[in-house]
Amino acid sequence: MEPRGCFNCIKSLCFFALLVFELCSASTLYVGKIYPGFEGSQMNWIDRDGLFLQSKNSVFALRFYTSLDVNLFLLVVIHMKSSQIVWTANRGLLVRNNDKLVFDKNGNVYLNNATSVVWSTDTTGKGVAAMEMQDTGNLVLLGDNGSILWQSFSHPTDTLLSGQEFVEGMRLKSFPYHNNLYHYLEFKVGDLILYAGYQNPQIYWSMSTDDRRPPTKSMGRSPRLP
């Protein structure tokens, strides 16, 4: 074999080996925690249906989830056994399969599309040391001492999980129906209020006016779910 042909053969083999290495490393499934310097898109975990971080006992996981449009994705926490989505990062601002989730060296976690940041934890400079998917379904950012600096439980979307508090100022909002109508439940000024989300939201139900509610002295922090 001529030297040039041999060189081309070796170059092709090296390229193939590098490609295999990249594919294998890209599809790594992380368990428990990931750390600053992490980044990836749905394409990196296409062989795992976008799933890249699961809790220690495989109860919940963080993944890219295909929406009704197979070219667009949500970043979600999902209950593994039921496949039920319990939290969504970028509802209404979906990303494509090459858009990246980044956990940067400054401790901020954010999701980019082609032109802008569509979701962020806004934790730059707060001493974040790790991101953990917990078996409770809570996605948390931890400091060096293990303290929680940010958590998905403080930013619910349409689901409450066991042990998650629903306190004044929080809101649960349904996905829009086909006519863009949605409902949201809000804990506001000591009352629990359900709104129908028209252009001008209308109160559909409130606990303070419901004769079926049990007598209470006052309303404050919501009780933990059983």
Foldseek 3Di string as FASTA:
>chain_A
DDPVVVVVVVVVVVVVVVVVVQLVVLQAAAEWKDWAPDKDFQVSNVVVQFWHYAYNVRQKTWGWHQDPPNQWTWTFIAGRVVRHTWATFQVPHTAGRGWMFHCHPQGKTFTDHPPGTRGIQPCGNVQFTIWTCHNQRKIFTAHPVRDTPDICLVAGEAHDTFQRWQFAPYKYKDRADPVRWIWMWGCHPQKIFIWTDDVPIDTPDIPVPDPPDDDDPTGGIDDGDD
